[in-house]
């Protein structure tokens, strides 16, 4: 357990514009209510609240350039908190875009040559 005084909540600008810190803490408490032994309707509310907390976190990461996906591990019984946020750092995304642009550029250059030029180059 860490001292939450170091951190600010909510994390994303959109949630900060909507919820106070106290409201966010209440949301987090409800998000913890996902245990199998709880009544189904209470677990469902907990799952929805957990989805909102994960959305806040993913929007905050996206604001810093990350590409984020929220995934759910299966089967649901594998963990009471079976959502995962998977983020890819900005540098990785930029490098992949540059690499794919380079590949496309090289491919387009080799395909755009008229047949006569190819024959001339082969002679």
N, C-alpha and C. Protein backbone atom coordinates (compact mmCIF):
# COMPACT_ATOMS: atom_id res chain seq x y z
N UNK A 1 0.86 -1.18 0.00
CA UNK A 1 0.00 0.00 0.00
C UNK A 1 0.89 1.23 0.00
N UNK A 2 0.59 2.16 -0.91
CA UNK A 2 1.38 3.38 -0.99
C UNK A 2 0.56 4.57 -0.51
N UNK A 3 1.26 5.57 -0.05
CA UNK A 3 0.62 6.80 0.38
C UNK A 3 0.11 7.53 -0.86
N UNK A 4 -1.20 7.68 -0.97
CA UNK A 4 -1.81 8.29 -2.15
C UNK A 4 -1.64 9.81 -2.20
N UNK A 5 -1.08 10.41 -1.15
CA UNK A 5 -0.88 11.86 -1.14
C UNK A 5 0.05 12.28 -2.27
N UNK A 6 0.96 11.39 -2.69
CA UNK A 6 1.90 11.68 -3.77
C UNK A 6 1.21 11.80 -5.12
N UNK A 7 0.04 11.21 -5.24
CA UNK A 7 -0.64 11.11 -6.53
C UNK A 7 -1.88 11.99 -6.57
N UNK A 8 -2.25 12.39 -7.77
CA UNK A 8 -3.50 13.14 -7.94
C UNK A 8 -4.49 12.26 -8.69
N UNK A 9 -5.72 12.35 -8.28
CA UNK A 9 -6.81 11.61 -8.92
C UNK A 9 -7.98 12.56 -9.09
N UNK A 10 -8.74 12.43 -10.12
CA UNK A 10 -8.57 11.56 -11.28
C UNK A 10 -7.32 11.91 -12.08
N UNK A 11 -6.91 10.98 -12.96
CA UNK A 11 -5.68 11.14 -13.72
C UNK A 11 -5.87 11.93 -15.02
N UNK A 12 -6.97 11.70 -15.72
CA UNK A 12 -7.17 12.33 -17.03
C UNK A 12 -7.88 13.68 -16.90
N UNK A 13 -7.63 14.53 -17.86
CA UNK A 13 -8.25 15.86 -17.85
C UNK A 13 -9.78 15.76 -17.91
N UNK A 14 -10.28 14.85 -18.74
CA UNK A 14 -11.73 14.71 -18.88
C UNK A 14 -12.39 14.30 -17.57
N UNK A 15 -11.76 13.38 -16.84
CA UNK A 15 -12.33 12.98 -15.56
C UNK A 15 -12.15 14.08 -14.52
N UNK A 16 -11.04 14.82 -14.58
CA UNK A 16 -10.82 15.93 -13.64
C UNK A 16 -11.88 17.00 -13.82
N UNK A 17 -12.35 17.18 -15.05
CA UNK A 17 -13.39 18.18 -15.32
C UNK A 17 -14.76 17.70 -14.86
N UNK A 18 -14.89 16.40 -14.57
CA UNK A 18 -16.19 15.82 -14.23
C UNK A 18 -16.31 15.44 -12.76
N UNK A 19 -15.25 14.85 -12.20
CA UNK A 19 -15.30 14.34 -10.83
C UNK A 19 -14.34 15.08 -9.91
N UNK A 20 -14.76 15.26 -8.67
CA UNK A 20 -13.84 15.77 -7.66
C UNK A 20 -12.96 14.60 -7.19
N UNK A 21 -11.93 14.92 -6.44
CA UNK A 21 -11.06 13.87 -5.88
C UNK A 21 -11.89 12.92 -5.01
N UNK A 22 -12.76 13.47 -4.19
CA UNK A 22 -13.59 12.65 -3.31
C UNK A 22 -14.52 11.74 -4.10
N UNK A 23 -15.14 12.27 -5.16
CA UNK A 23 -16.02 11.45 -6.00
C UNK A 23 -15.24 10.32 -6.67
N UNK A 24 -14.02 10.64 -7.08
CA UNK A 24 -13.19 9.60 -7.70
C UNK A 24 -12.84 8.51 -6.70
N UNK A 25 -12.56 8.86 -5.47
CA UNK A 25 -12.26 7.86 -4.44
C UNK A 25 -13.48 6.97 -4.17
N UNK A 26 -14.67 7.56 -4.22
CA UNK A 26 -15.90 6.76 -4.06
C UNK A 26 -16.04 5.80 -5.23
N UNK A 27 -15.78 6.29 -6.44
CA UNK A 27 -15.82 5.44 -7.63
C UNK A 27 -14.85 4.26 -7.47
N UNK A 28 -13.66 4.54 -6.98
CA UNK A 28 -12.66 3.48 -6.77
C UNK A 28 -13.12 2.46 -5.74
N UNK A 29 -13.80 2.91 -4.71
CA UNK A 29 -14.31 1.98 -3.69
C UNK A 29 -15.34 1.04 -4.31
N UNK A 30 -16.23 1.59 -5.14
CA UNK A 30 -17.21 0.75 -5.81
C UNK A 30 -16.52 -0.19 -6.80
N UNK A 31 -15.45 0.27 -7.44
CA UNK A 31 -14.71 -0.55 -8.41
C UNK A 31 -14.07 -1.76 -7.74
N UNK A 32 -13.86 -1.71 -6.44
CA UNK A 32 -13.29 -2.84 -5.72
C UNK A 32 -14.33 -3.91 -5.39
N UNK A 33 -15.59 -3.64 -5.65
CA UNK A 33 -16.66 -4.58 -5.30
C UNK A 33 -16.93 -5.56 -6.45
N UNK A 34 -15.97 -6.44 -6.72
CA UNK A 34 -16.12 -7.39 -7.83
C UNK A 34 -15.93 -8.84 -7.40
N UNK A 35 -15.86 -9.10 -6.11
CA UNK A 35 -15.62 -10.46 -5.62
C UNK A 35 -16.77 -11.39 -5.99
N UNK A 36 -16.44 -12.64 -6.28
CA UNK A 36 -17.42 -13.62 -6.73
C UNK A 36 -18.52 -13.85 -5.70
N UNK A 37 -18.19 -13.76 -4.42
CA UNK A 37 -19.19 -14.03 -3.38
C UNK A 37 -20.23 -12.92 -3.22
N UNK A 38 -20.03 -11.79 -3.87
CA UNK A 38 -21.00 -10.69 -3.79
C UNK A 38 -22.20 -10.98 -4.69
N UNK A 39 -23.36 -10.37 -4.38
CA UNK A 39 -24.52 -10.54 -5.25
C UNK A 39 -24.21 -10.06 -6.68
N UNK A 40 -24.76 -10.73 -7.70
CA UNK A 40 -24.45 -10.41 -9.10
C UNK A 40 -24.65 -8.94 -9.47
N UNK A 41 -25.73 -8.32 -8.97
CA UNK A 41 -25.97 -6.91 -9.33
C UNK A 41 -24.90 -5.99 -8.74
N UNK A 42 -24.42 -6.34 -7.56
CA UNK A 42 -23.36 -5.54 -6.93
C UNK A 42 -22.02 -5.72 -7.67
N UNK A 43 -21.74 -6.95 -8.09
CA UNK A 43 -20.54 -7.22 -8.88
C UNK A 43 -20.59 -6.46 -10.21
N UNK A 44 -21.75 -6.43 -10.84
CA UNK A 44 -21.90 -5.73 -12.12
C UNK A 44 -21.63 -4.24 -11.95
N UNK A 45 -22.14 -3.65 -10.89
CA UNK A 45 -21.86 -2.23 -10.61
C UNK A 45 -20.35 -2.05 -10.41
N UNK A 46 -19.73 -2.96 -9.67
CA UNK A 46 -18.29 -2.91 -9.45
C UNK A 46 -17.51 -2.98 -10.76
N UNK A 47 -17.94 -3.87 -11.66
CA UNK A 47 -17.27 -4.01 -12.96
C UNK A 47 -17.41 -2.72 -13.79
N UNK A 48 -18.59 -2.13 -13.77
CA UNK A 48 -18.79 -0.87 -14.51
C UNK A 48 -17.90 0.24 -13.93
N UNK A 49 -17.84 0.31 -12.61
CA UNK A 49 -16.99 1.32 -11.97
C UNK A 49 -15.52 1.06 -12.27
N UNK A 50 -15.11 -0.21 -12.28
CA UNK A 50 -13.73 -0.55 -12.61
C UNK A 50 -13.43 -0.13 -14.05
N UNK A 51 -14.40 -0.29 -14.95
CA UNK A 51 -14.22 0.15 -16.33
C UNK A 51 -14.00 1.66 -16.42
N UNK A 52 -14.71 2.43 -15.60
CA UNK A 52 -14.53 3.88 -15.59
C UNK A 52 -13.16 4.28 -15.05
N UNK A 53 -12.71 3.59 -14.00
CA UNK A 53 -11.37 3.87 -13.45
C UNK A 53 -10.30 3.56 -14.49
N UNK A 54 -10.47 2.43 -15.19
CA UNK A 54 -9.52 2.07 -16.25
C UNK A 54 -9.56 3.06 -17.40
N UNK A 55 -10.74 3.57 -17.73
CA UNK A 55 -10.88 4.57 -18.78
C UNK A 55 -10.13 5.85 -18.41
N UNK A 56 -10.26 6.27 -17.17
CA UNK A 56 -9.53 7.45 -16.69
C UNK A 56 -8.03 7.24 -16.84
N UNK A 57 -7.54 6.09 -16.44
CA UNK A 57 -6.11 5.80 -16.55
C UNK A 57 -5.65 5.75 -18.01
N UNK A 58 -6.45 5.13 -18.86
CA UNK A 58 -6.04 5.02 -20.26
C UNK A 58 -6.05 6.38 -20.94
N UNK A 59 -7.03 7.23 -20.64
CA UNK A 59 -7.06 8.59 -21.23
C UNK A 59 -5.85 9.40 -20.76
N UNK A 60 -5.46 9.23 -19.50
CA UNK A 60 -4.29 9.94 -18.99
C UNK A 60 -3.03 9.49 -19.73
N UNK A 61 -2.90 8.20 -19.97
CA UNK A 61 -1.73 7.68 -20.70
C UNK A 61 -1.75 8.16 -22.15
N UNK A 62 -2.92 8.17 -22.78
CA UNK A 62 -3.03 8.64 -24.16
C UNK A 62 -2.65 10.11 -24.27
N UNK A 63 -2.97 10.89 -23.25
CA UNK A 63 -2.61 12.32 -23.24
C UNK A 63 -1.09 12.51 -23.23
N UNK A 64 -0.36 11.48 -22.81
CA UNK A 64 1.11 11.53 -22.81
C UNK A 64 1.69 10.77 -24.01
N UNK A 65 0.86 10.50 -25.01
CA UNK A 65 1.34 9.92 -26.25
C UNK A 65 1.30 8.41 -26.35
N UNK A 66 0.86 7.73 -25.31
CA UNK A 66 0.80 6.27 -25.36
C UNK A 66 -0.40 5.82 -26.18
N UNK A 67 -0.25 4.68 -26.83
CA UNK A 67 -1.37 4.00 -27.47
C UNK A 67 -1.82 2.94 -26.46
N UNK A 68 -3.07 3.01 -26.01
CA UNK A 68 -3.52 2.17 -24.91
C UNK A 68 -4.70 1.30 -25.33
N UNK A 69 -4.67 0.06 -24.86
CA UNK A 69 -5.80 -0.84 -25.02
C UNK A 69 -6.18 -1.37 -23.64
N UNK A 70 -7.47 -1.44 -23.37
CA UNK A 70 -7.96 -2.06 -22.14
C UNK A 70 -8.44 -3.45 -22.53
N UNK A 71 -7.86 -4.45 -21.89
CA UNK A 71 -8.19 -5.84 -22.20
C UNK A 71 -8.69 -6.54 -20.95
N UNK A 72 -9.50 -7.57 -21.15
CA UNK A 72 -10.01 -8.37 -20.05
C UNK A 72 -9.47 -9.79 -20.18
N UNK A 73 -8.84 -10.26 -19.11
CA UNK A 73 -8.32 -11.63 -19.12
C UNK A 73 -9.47 -12.62 -19.00
N UNK A 74 -9.33 -13.75 -19.66
CA UNK A 74 -10.34 -14.80 -19.60
C UNK A 74 -9.70 -16.09 -19.15
N UNK A 75 -10.42 -16.93 -18.45
CA UNK A 75 -11.80 -16.75 -18.00
C UNK A 75 -11.88 -15.69 -16.91
N UNK A 76 -13.07 -15.18 -16.71
CA UNK A 76 -13.27 -14.12 -15.72
C UNK A 76 -12.82 -14.55 -14.33
N UNK A 77 -12.90 -15.83 -14.05
CA UNK A 77 -12.53 -16.35 -12.73
C UNK A 77 -11.02 -16.35 -12.48
N UNK A 78 -10.21 -16.02 -13.49
CA UNK A 78 -8.75 -16.05 -13.30
C UNK A 78 -8.29 -14.99 -12.30
N UNK A 79 -9.07 -13.93 -12.14
CA UNK A 79 -8.70 -12.86 -11.21
C UNK A 79 -9.93 -12.00 -10.95
N UNK A 80 -10.03 -11.48 -9.74
CA UNK A 80 -11.15 -10.57 -9.46
C UNK A 80 -10.96 -9.24 -10.17
N UNK A 81 -9.73 -8.88 -10.41
CA UNK A 81 -9.39 -7.65 -11.15
C UNK A 81 -8.76 -8.09 -12.47
N UNK A 82 -9.58 -8.55 -13.40
CA UNK A 82 -9.03 -9.16 -14.60
C UNK A 82 -8.93 -8.21 -15.80
N UNK A 83 -9.00 -6.91 -15.57
CA UNK A 83 -8.75 -5.96 -16.65
C UNK A 83 -7.27 -5.62 -16.68
N UNK A 84 -6.75 -5.44 -17.88
CA UNK A 84 -5.35 -5.02 -18.04
C UNK A 84 -5.31 -3.82 -18.97
N UNK A 85 -4.48 -2.86 -18.62
CA UNK A 85 -4.20 -1.75 -19.53
C UNK A 85 -2.85 -2.03 -20.16
N UNK A 86 -2.83 -2.07 -21.47
CA UNK A 86 -1.58 -2.32 -22.20
C UNK A 86 -1.26 -1.05 -22.98
N UNK A 87 -0.13 -0.45 -22.65
CA UNK A 87 0.26 0.80 -23.30
C UNK A 87 1.56 0.66 -24.06
N UNK A 88 1.60 1.30 -25.22
CA UNK A 88 2.82 1.32 -26.02
C UNK A 88 3.36 2.74 -25.99
N UNK A 89 4.65 2.88 -25.63
CA UNK A 89 5.23 4.22 -25.50
C UNK A 89 5.27 4.95 -26.84
N UNK A 90 5.28 6.28 -26.77
CA UNK A 90 5.28 7.10 -27.99
C UNK A 90 6.42 6.78 -28.95
N UNK A 91 7.64 6.52 -28.44
CA UNK A 91 8.78 6.26 -29.31
C UNK A 91 8.55 5.02 -30.15
N UNK A 92 7.99 3.97 -29.55
CA UNK A 92 7.74 2.73 -30.27
C UNK A 92 6.77 2.96 -31.41
N UNK A 93 5.72 3.71 -31.15
CA UNK A 93 4.71 3.99 -32.16
C UNK A 93 5.34 4.80 -33.29
N UNK A 94 6.10 5.83 -32.96
CA UNK A 94 6.75 6.67 -33.97
C UNK A 94 7.72 5.85 -34.81
N UNK A 95 8.50 4.99 -34.17
CA UNK A 95 9.45 4.15 -34.91
C UNK A 95 8.73 3.22 -35.87
N UNK A 96 7.62 2.62 -35.43
CA UNK A 96 6.87 1.72 -36.30
C UNK A 96 6.27 2.46 -37.47
N UNK A 97 5.77 3.68 -37.24
CA UNK A 97 5.20 4.47 -38.33
C UNK A 97 6.29 4.81 -39.33
N UNK A 98 7.44 5.25 -38.84
CA UNK A 98 8.55 5.58 -39.74
C UNK A 98 8.98 4.36 -40.53
N UNK A 99 9.07 3.22 -39.87
CA UNK A 99 9.48 1.99 -40.54
C UNK A 99 8.48 1.60 -41.62
N UNK A 100 7.18 1.67 -41.31
CA UNK A 100 6.17 1.31 -42.30
C UNK A 100 6.15 2.31 -43.44
N UNK A 101 6.40 3.61 -43.16
CA UNK A 101 6.47 4.61 -44.22
C UNK A 101 7.67 4.34 -45.12
N UNK A 102 8.79 3.95 -44.54
CA UNK A 102 9.99 3.64 -45.32
C UNK A 102 9.73 2.42 -46.19
N UNK A 103 9.11 1.39 -45.62
CA UNK A 103 8.78 0.20 -46.40
C UNK A 103 7.87 0.55 -47.56
N UNK A 104 6.86 1.38 -47.31
CA UNK A 104 5.93 1.78 -48.36
C UNK A 104 6.65 2.59 -49.42
N UNK A 105 7.55 3.47 -49.00
CA UNK A 105 8.30 4.30 -49.94
C UNK A 105 9.17 3.44 -50.85
N UNK A 106 9.88 2.49 -50.26
CA UNK A 106 10.74 1.60 -51.05
C UNK A 106 9.89 0.76 -51.99
N UNK A 107 8.77 0.24 -51.49
CA UNK A 107 7.88 -0.58 -52.31
C UNK A 107 7.32 0.24 -53.47
N UNK A 108 6.88 1.45 -53.20
CA UNK A 108 6.31 2.30 -54.25
C UNK A 108 7.34 2.65 -55.31
N UNK A 109 8.57 2.90 -54.91
CA UNK A 109 9.61 3.24 -55.88
C UNK A 109 9.89 2.07 -56.81
N UNK A 110 9.94 0.88 -56.27
CA UNK A 110 10.25 -0.27 -57.12
C UNK A 110 9.07 -0.61 -58.02
N UNK A 111 7.86 -0.27 -57.62
CA UNK A 111 6.68 -0.60 -58.42
C UNK A 111 6.33 0.48 -59.43
N UNK A 112 6.82 1.69 -59.23
CA UNK A 112 6.45 2.80 -60.11
C UNK A 112 7.34 2.94 -61.34
N UNK A 113 8.34 2.09 -61.47
CA UNK A 113 9.25 2.21 -62.61
C UNK A 113 8.57 1.70 -63.87
N UNK A 114 8.63 2.47 -64.95
CA UNK A 114 8.08 1.98 -66.21
C UNK A 114 8.87 0.75 -66.68
N UNK A 115 8.22 -0.10 -67.42
CA UNK A 115 8.84 -1.34 -67.89
C UNK A 115 10.09 -1.07 -68.72
N UNK A 116 10.10 0.02 -69.50
CA UNK A 116 11.27 0.33 -70.32
C UNK A 116 12.50 0.59 -69.44
N UNK A 117 12.30 1.31 -68.33
CA UNK A 117 13.43 1.60 -67.44
C UNK A 117 13.98 0.32 -66.84
N UNK A 118 13.10 -0.60 -66.49
CA UNK A 118 13.55 -1.86 -65.93
C UNK A 118 14.38 -2.63 -66.95
N UNK A 119 13.91 -2.63 -68.21
CA UNK A 119 14.66 -3.33 -69.26
C UNK A 119 16.00 -2.66 -69.51
N UNK A 120 16.04 -1.30 -69.53
CA UNK A 120 17.29 -0.57 -69.73
C UNK A 120 18.29 -0.89 -68.63
N UNK A 121 17.80 -0.96 -67.38
CA UNK A 121 18.69 -1.22 -66.24
C UNK A 121 19.24 -2.64 -66.27
N UNK A 122 18.49 -3.57 -66.87
CA UNK A 122 18.94 -4.96 -66.91
C UNK A 122 19.99 -5.18 -67.99
N UNK A 123 20.08 -4.30 -68.99
CA UNK A 123 21.03 -4.47 -70.10
C UNK A 123 22.44 -4.20 -69.69
